[in-house]
Amino acid sequence: MPAVDTRNISRDSLFLMADLRLEGADSLERVKVRNLSAGGMMAEGSVRVMRGARLSVKLRNIEWVDGSVAWVQDNRFGIAFDHEVDPAQARSQPTSPDESTTPRFVRTAGFQPGYGEPDKLRKI
């Protein structure tokens, strides 16, 4: 891993969930993605990792990306990807609705024609 400081690389602050698999492990861990750039990400979760550990991360709309742990601090850690990804893809909505990746708080927005009677809306 090169000793080049990449902190000046543009990164997006966001909140997504991702699946993580440590090299040699059979189970998946669920982590929060705190920020994401083309070359890596910051994750937060209860999974215990060590600097240099190899892993794969499944990001929304990107699929599995291989990388290694660059740093660890408490329950947060940085992951350096083996190859660059497009962070805009992870921000975009999934192309096909999938119950496991769509947050439960997402609802259809606003009034929909044919749903209820507009003159009988309850005033709050």
N, C-alpha and C. Protein backbone atom coordinates (compact mmCIF):
# COMPACT_ATOMS: atom_id res chain seq x y z
N MET A 1 0.85 -1.17 0.00
CA MET A 1 0.00 0.00 0.00
C MET A 1 0.89 1.23 0.00
N PRO A 2 0.74 2.17 -0.93
CA PRO A 2 1.60 3.34 -0.99
C PRO A 2 1.36 4.26 0.20
N ALA A 3 2.41 4.96 0.61
CA ALA A 3 2.33 5.88 1.74
C ALA A 3 1.97 7.28 1.25
N VAL A 4 1.00 7.39 0.38
CA VAL A 4 0.57 8.66 -0.18
C VAL A 4 -0.64 9.15 0.60
N ASP A 5 -0.61 10.42 1.02
CA ASP A 5 -1.74 11.00 1.74
C ASP A 5 -2.85 11.31 0.75
N THR A 6 -4.01 10.67 0.93
CA THR A 6 -5.13 10.86 0.02
C THR A 6 -6.29 11.59 0.68
N ARG A 7 -6.05 12.29 1.79
CA ARG A 7 -7.12 12.96 2.50
C ARG A 7 -7.71 14.12 1.69
N ASN A 8 -7.04 14.58 0.65
CA ASN A 8 -7.56 15.67 -0.16
C ASN A 8 -8.50 15.18 -1.25
N ILE A 9 -8.71 13.87 -1.36
CA ILE A 9 -9.61 13.31 -2.36
C ILE A 9 -11.05 13.62 -1.95
N SER A 10 -11.86 14.02 -2.90
CA SER A 10 -13.25 14.34 -2.63
C SER A 10 -13.99 13.11 -2.12
N ARG A 11 -14.77 13.32 -1.05
CA ARG A 11 -15.57 12.22 -0.52
C ARG A 11 -16.95 12.75 -0.19
N ASP A 12 -17.94 11.87 -0.28
CA ASP A 12 -19.32 12.23 -0.02
C ASP A 12 -19.71 11.74 1.36
N SER A 13 -20.25 12.65 2.17
CA SER A 13 -20.83 12.23 3.44
C SER A 13 -22.23 11.71 3.14
N LEU A 14 -22.54 10.56 3.64
CA LEU A 14 -23.84 9.96 3.39
C LEU A 14 -24.09 8.93 4.46
N PHE A 15 -25.26 8.37 4.44
CA PHE A 15 -25.58 7.31 5.39
C PHE A 15 -26.25 6.18 4.62
N LEU A 16 -25.50 5.12 4.42
CA LEU A 16 -25.99 3.91 3.76
C LEU A 16 -25.60 2.72 4.61
N MET A 17 -26.25 1.62 4.35
CA MET A 17 -25.85 0.37 4.97
C MET A 17 -25.15 -0.47 3.90
N ALA A 18 -24.19 -1.26 4.35
CA ALA A 18 -23.45 -2.12 3.42
C ALA A 18 -23.16 -3.44 4.11
N ASP A 19 -22.98 -4.48 3.31
CA ASP A 19 -22.56 -5.78 3.84
C ASP A 19 -21.05 -5.88 3.69
N LEU A 20 -20.42 -6.48 4.70
CA LEU A 20 -18.97 -6.60 4.72
C LEU A 20 -18.62 -8.06 5.02
N ARG A 21 -17.65 -8.58 4.30
CA ARG A 21 -17.18 -9.94 4.54
C ARG A 21 -15.67 -9.91 4.71
N LEU A 22 -15.21 -10.31 5.88
CA LEU A 22 -13.76 -10.40 6.11
C LEU A 22 -13.21 -11.60 5.37
N GLU A 23 -12.00 -11.46 4.87
CA GLU A 23 -11.36 -12.55 4.13
C GLU A 23 -11.28 -13.79 5.01
N GLY A 24 -11.73 -14.91 4.50
CA GLY A 24 -11.69 -16.17 5.24
C GLY A 24 -12.90 -16.41 6.12
N ALA A 25 -13.79 -15.43 6.26
CA ALA A 25 -14.99 -15.59 7.09
C ALA A 25 -16.18 -15.99 6.23
N ASP A 26 -17.07 -16.77 6.79
CA ASP A 26 -18.26 -17.18 6.07
C ASP A 26 -19.43 -16.22 6.27
N SER A 27 -19.43 -15.53 7.41
CA SER A 27 -20.58 -14.68 7.74
C SER A 27 -20.40 -13.26 7.21
N LEU A 28 -21.54 -12.61 7.02
CA LEU A 28 -21.56 -11.21 6.61
C LEU A 28 -21.80 -10.33 7.81
N GLU A 29 -21.22 -9.15 7.82
CA GLU A 29 -21.44 -8.15 8.85
C GLU A 29 -22.13 -6.97 8.20
N ARG A 30 -23.03 -6.31 8.91
CA ARG A 30 -23.72 -5.12 8.40
C ARG A 30 -23.03 -3.91 9.01
N VAL A 31 -22.62 -2.94 8.17
CA VAL A 31 -21.95 -1.73 8.64
C VAL A 31 -22.64 -0.50 8.06
N LYS A 32 -22.44 0.62 8.72
CA LYS A 32 -22.93 1.91 8.23
C LYS A 32 -21.81 2.55 7.42
N VAL A 33 -22.15 3.07 6.26
CA VAL A 33 -21.19 3.79 5.43
C VAL A 33 -21.33 5.26 5.80
N ARG A 34 -20.29 5.85 6.39
CA ARG A 34 -20.33 7.24 6.83
C ARG A 34 -19.88 8.20 5.75
N ASN A 35 -18.87 7.83 4.99
CA ASN A 35 -18.50 8.61 3.81
C ASN A 35 -17.88 7.70 2.78
N LEU A 36 -17.92 8.16 1.54
CA LEU A 36 -17.52 7.32 0.42
C LEU A 36 -16.81 8.16 -0.62
N SER A 37 -15.69 7.67 -1.10
CA SER A 37 -14.99 8.30 -2.21
C SER A 37 -14.70 7.22 -3.24
N ALA A 38 -14.12 7.62 -4.35
CA ALA A 38 -13.80 6.64 -5.40
C ALA A 38 -12.80 5.60 -4.91
N GLY A 39 -11.92 5.99 -3.99
CA GLY A 39 -10.87 5.08 -3.55
C GLY A 39 -11.09 4.39 -2.23
N GLY A 40 -12.17 4.75 -1.50
CA GLY A 40 -12.38 4.12 -0.22
C GLY A 40 -13.60 4.64 0.51
N MET A 41 -13.74 4.22 1.76
CA MET A 41 -14.90 4.61 2.54
C MET A 41 -14.59 4.55 4.03
N MET A 42 -15.42 5.23 4.82
CA MET A 42 -15.37 5.08 6.27
C MET A 42 -16.60 4.30 6.68
N ALA A 43 -16.39 3.24 7.45
CA ALA A 43 -17.48 2.38 7.91
C ALA A 43 -17.57 2.45 9.43
N GLU A 44 -18.77 2.16 9.92
CA GLU A 44 -18.98 2.13 11.36
C GLU A 44 -19.80 0.88 11.68
N GLY A 45 -19.37 0.16 12.70
CA GLY A 45 -20.11 -1.04 13.08
C GLY A 45 -19.42 -1.79 14.19
N SER A 46 -20.05 -2.86 14.61
CA SER A 46 -19.53 -3.64 15.73
C SER A 46 -18.49 -4.68 15.30
N VAL A 47 -18.26 -4.80 14.02
CA VAL A 47 -17.27 -5.77 13.53
C VAL A 47 -15.87 -5.34 13.99
N ARG A 48 -15.09 -6.30 14.45
CA ARG A 48 -13.73 -6.03 14.90
C ARG A 48 -12.76 -6.31 13.76
N VAL A 49 -12.04 -5.28 13.36
CA VAL A 49 -11.07 -5.42 12.27
C VAL A 49 -9.72 -4.89 12.72
N MET A 50 -8.69 -5.29 12.01
CA MET A 50 -7.35 -4.80 12.27
C MET A 50 -6.82 -4.14 11.01
N ARG A 51 -5.95 -3.17 11.19
CA ARG A 51 -5.34 -2.49 10.06
C ARG A 51 -4.65 -3.53 9.17
N GLY A 52 -4.90 -3.42 7.87
CA GLY A 52 -4.31 -4.35 6.91
C GLY A 52 -5.18 -5.54 6.57
N ALA A 53 -6.25 -5.76 7.34
CA ALA A 53 -7.13 -6.91 7.08
C ALA A 53 -7.78 -6.78 5.70
N ARG A 54 -7.86 -7.89 5.00
CA ARG A 54 -8.50 -7.93 3.68
C ARG A 54 -9.98 -8.20 3.85
N LEU A 55 -10.79 -7.56 2.99
CA LEU A 55 -12.24 -7.72 3.08
C LEU A 55 -12.89 -7.36 1.76
N SER A 56 -14.19 -7.63 1.69
CA SER A 56 -15.02 -7.24 0.55
C SER A 56 -16.24 -6.53 1.10
N VAL A 57 -16.68 -5.50 0.39
CA VAL A 57 -17.84 -4.71 0.80
C VAL A 57 -18.84 -4.69 -0.35
N LYS A 58 -20.11 -4.92 -0.01
CA LYS A 58 -21.17 -4.83 -1.02
C LYS A 58 -21.90 -3.51 -0.81
N LEU A 59 -21.71 -2.61 -1.75
CA LEU A 59 -22.34 -1.30 -1.71
C LEU A 59 -23.55 -1.28 -2.62
N ARG A 60 -24.55 -0.49 -2.25
CA ARG A 60 -25.78 -0.39 -3.06
C ARG A 60 -25.43 0.06 -4.48
N ASN A 61 -25.96 -0.63 -5.46
CA ASN A 61 -25.79 -0.35 -6.89
C ASN A 61 -24.37 -0.55 -7.40
N ILE A 62 -23.44 -0.99 -6.55
CA ILE A 62 -22.05 -1.18 -6.98
C ILE A 62 -21.65 -2.65 -6.89
N GLU A 63 -22.25 -3.39 -6.00
CA GLU A 63 -21.94 -4.79 -5.75
C GLU A 63 -20.66 -4.92 -4.92
N TRP A 64 -19.97 -6.05 -5.03
CA TRP A 64 -18.83 -6.34 -4.15
C TRP A 64 -17.56 -5.64 -4.62
N VAL A 65 -16.88 -5.02 -3.66
CA VAL A 65 -15.62 -4.32 -3.91
C VAL A 65 -14.60 -4.86 -2.91
N ASP A 66 -13.44 -5.29 -3.40
CA ASP A 66 -12.37 -5.78 -2.53
C ASP A 66 -11.54 -4.61 -2.03
N GLY A 67 -10.98 -4.77 -0.84
CA GLY A 67 -10.12 -3.73 -0.28
C GLY A 67 -9.45 -4.21 0.99
N SER A 68 -8.84 -3.23 1.69
CA SER A 68 -8.17 -3.54 2.95
C SER A 68 -8.43 -2.42 3.95
N VAL A 69 -8.33 -2.76 5.21
CA VAL A 69 -8.55 -1.79 6.29
C VAL A 69 -7.34 -0.87 6.37
N ALA A 70 -7.57 0.43 6.23
CA ALA A 70 -6.49 1.41 6.24
C ALA A 70 -6.23 1.97 7.64
N TRP A 71 -7.26 2.09 8.45
CA TRP A 71 -7.15 2.61 9.82
C TRP A 71 -8.33 2.14 10.65
N VAL A 72 -8.16 2.14 11.96
CA VAL A 72 -9.23 1.74 12.88
C VAL A 72 -9.23 2.71 14.05
N GLN A 73 -10.43 3.19 14.42
CA GLN A 73 -10.57 4.04 15.61
C GLN A 73 -11.93 3.75 16.24
N ASP A 74 -11.91 3.12 17.41
CA ASP A 74 -13.13 2.71 18.12
C ASP A 74 -13.96 1.81 17.21
N ASN A 75 -15.21 2.19 16.92
CA ASN A 75 -16.06 1.34 16.07
C ASN A 75 -16.11 1.84 14.63
N ARG A 76 -15.21 2.73 14.27
CA ARG A 76 -15.11 3.23 12.89
C ARG A 76 -13.79 2.79 12.28
N PHE A 77 -13.81 2.59 10.97
CA PHE A 77 -12.58 2.19 10.29
C PHE A 77 -12.64 2.61 8.83
N GLY A 78 -11.46 2.82 8.27
CA GLY A 78 -11.35 3.20 6.87
C GLY A 78 -11.02 2.00 6.01
N ILE A 79 -11.59 1.98 4.81
CA ILE A 79 -11.33 0.90 3.87
C ILE A 79 -10.78 1.50 2.59
N ALA A 80 -9.63 1.02 2.15
CA ALA A 80 -9.04 1.43 0.87
C ALA A 80 -9.42 0.38 -0.16
N PHE A 81 -10.13 0.81 -1.22
CA PHE A 81 -10.56 -0.13 -2.26
C PHE A 81 -9.39 -0.51 -3.16
N ASP A 82 -9.45 -1.73 -3.71
CA ASP A 82 -8.43 -2.18 -4.65
C ASP A 82 -8.57 -1.48 -5.99
N HIS A 83 -9.80 -1.10 -6.35
CA HIS A 83 -10.01 -0.35 -7.59
C HIS A 83 -11.08 0.71 -7.32
N GLU A 84 -11.05 1.77 -8.08
CA GLU A 84 -11.97 2.88 -7.86
C GLU A 84 -13.41 2.51 -8.20
N VAL A 85 -14.34 3.15 -7.49
CA VAL A 85 -15.77 2.97 -7.74
C VAL A 85 -16.37 4.34 -8.03
N ASP A 86 -17.59 4.36 -8.49
CA ASP A 86 -18.30 5.61 -8.73
C ASP A 86 -19.23 5.87 -7.54
N PRO A 87 -18.89 6.79 -6.64
CA PRO A 87 -19.73 7.03 -5.47
C PRO A 87 -21.13 7.50 -5.81
N ALA A 88 -21.32 8.12 -6.97
CA ALA A 88 -22.65 8.58 -7.38
C ALA A 88 -23.60 7.39 -7.56
N GLN A 89 -23.07 6.26 -7.95
CA GLN A 89 -23.90 5.06 -8.10
C GLN A 89 -24.51 4.63 -6.77
N ALA A 90 -23.73 4.69 -5.72
CA ALA A 90 -24.22 4.28 -4.40
C ALA A 90 -25.27 5.26 -3.87
N ARG A 91 -25.17 6.52 -4.25
CA ARG A 91 -26.15 7.52 -3.81
C ARG A 91 -27.48 7.39 -4.52
N SER A 92 -27.47 6.89 -5.76
CA SER A 92 -28.70 6.80 -6.53
C SER A 92 -29.59 5.68 -5.99
N GLN A 93 -30.88 5.82 -6.23
CA GLN A 93 -31.84 4.82 -5.78
C GLN A 93 -31.63 3.50 -6.53
N PRO A 94 -31.89 2.39 -5.89
CA PRO A 94 -31.76 1.10 -6.57
C PRO A 94 -32.71 1.04 -7.76
N THR A 95 -32.26 0.38 -8.82
CA THR A 95 -33.07 0.29 -10.03
C THR A 95 -34.24 -0.66 -9.85
N SER A 96 -34.09 -1.68 -9.03
CA SER A 96 -35.21 -2.57 -8.74
C SER A 96 -35.43 -2.60 -7.24
N PRO A 97 -36.68 -2.41 -6.82
CA PRO A 97 -36.92 -2.39 -5.37
C PRO A 97 -36.59 -3.72 -4.73
N ASP A 98 -35.85 -3.66 -3.66
CA ASP A 98 -35.46 -4.86 -2.93
C ASP A 98 -35.71 -4.60 -1.45
N GLU A 99 -36.55 -5.40 -0.85
CA GLU A 99 -36.97 -5.22 0.54
C GLU A 99 -35.77 -5.12 1.48
N SER A 100 -34.69 -5.85 1.19
CA SER A 100 -33.57 -5.88 2.11
C SER A 100 -32.71 -4.62 2.04
N THR A 101 -32.76 -3.85 0.96
CA THR A 101 -31.93 -2.65 0.87
C THR A 101 -32.70 -1.36 0.99
N THR A 102 -34.04 -1.40 0.90
CA THR A 102 -34.83 -0.19 1.01
C THR A 102 -35.15 0.07 2.47
N PRO A 103 -34.78 1.25 2.98
CA PRO A 103 -35.08 1.55 4.38
C PRO A 103 -36.57 1.51 4.65
N ARG A 104 -36.95 1.06 5.84
CA ARG A 104 -38.36 0.89 6.14
C ARG A 104 -39.09 2.21 6.29
N PHE A 105 -38.37 3.32 6.49
CA PHE A 105 -39.03 4.60 6.66
C PHE A 105 -39.39 5.26 5.34
N VAL A 106 -38.99 4.66 4.22
CA VAL A 106 -39.30 5.23 2.92
C VAL A 106 -40.77 4.96 2.59
N ARG A 107 -41.49 6.00 2.32
CA ARG A 107 -42.91 5.89 1.98
C ARG A 107 -43.17 6.69 0.72
N THR A 108 -44.29 6.42 0.05
CA THR A 108 -44.67 7.22 -1.10
C THR A 108 -44.97 8.63 -0.60
N ALA A 109 -44.55 9.60 -1.35
CA ALA A 109 -44.68 10.99 -0.90
C ALA A 109 -45.97 11.62 -1.41
N GLY A 110 -46.60 12.37 -0.53
CA GLY A 110 -47.73 13.21 -0.93
C GLY A 110 -49.02 12.47 -1.22
N PHE A 111 -49.99 13.21 -1.63
CA PHE A 111 -51.31 12.69 -1.97
C PHE A 111 -51.28 12.08 -3.35
N GLN A 112 -51.87 10.92 -3.49
CA GLN A 112 -51.92 10.26 -4.78
C GLN A 112 -53.36 10.28 -5.29
N PRO A 113 -53.58 10.67 -6.53
CA PRO A 113 -54.93 10.69 -7.09
C PRO A 113 -55.60 9.33 -6.94
N GLY A 114 -56.89 9.36 -6.58
CA GLY A 114 -57.65 8.13 -6.42
C GLY A 114 -57.48 7.50 -5.06
N TYR A 115 -56.69 8.08 -4.20
CA TYR A 115 -56.46 7.54 -2.88
C TYR A 115 -57.14 8.43 -1.85
N GLY A 116 -58.23 7.99 -1.30
CA GLY A 116 -58.96 8.80 -0.33
C GLY A 116 -59.77 9.87 -1.02
N GLU A 117 -60.45 10.64 -0.25
CA GLU A 117 -61.26 11.72 -0.80
C GLU A 117 -60.67 13.05 -0.35
N PRO A 118 -60.25 13.91 -1.29
CA PRO A 118 -59.57 15.14 -0.93
C PRO A 118 -60.40 16.06 -0.06
N ASP A 119 -61.75 16.07 -0.23
CA ASP A 119 -62.56 16.97 0.57
C ASP A 119 -62.76 16.45 1.99
N LYS A 120 -62.31 15.24 2.27
CA LYS A 120 -62.45 14.67 3.61
C LYS A 120 -61.10 14.55 4.32
N LEU A 121 -60.14 15.40 3.92
CA LEU A 121 -58.85 15.38 4.59
C LEU A 121 -59.01 15.93 5.99
N ARG A 122 -58.38 15.31 6.91
CA ARG A 122 -58.46 15.73 8.30
C ARG A 122 -57.51 16.89 8.54
N LYS A 123 -57.98 17.92 9.20
CA LYS A 123 -57.13 19.07 9.53
C LYS A 123 -56.47 18.81 10.89
N ILE A 124 -55.23 19.17 10.95
CA ILE A 124 -54.48 18.95 12.19
C ILE A 124 -54.21 20.29 12.84
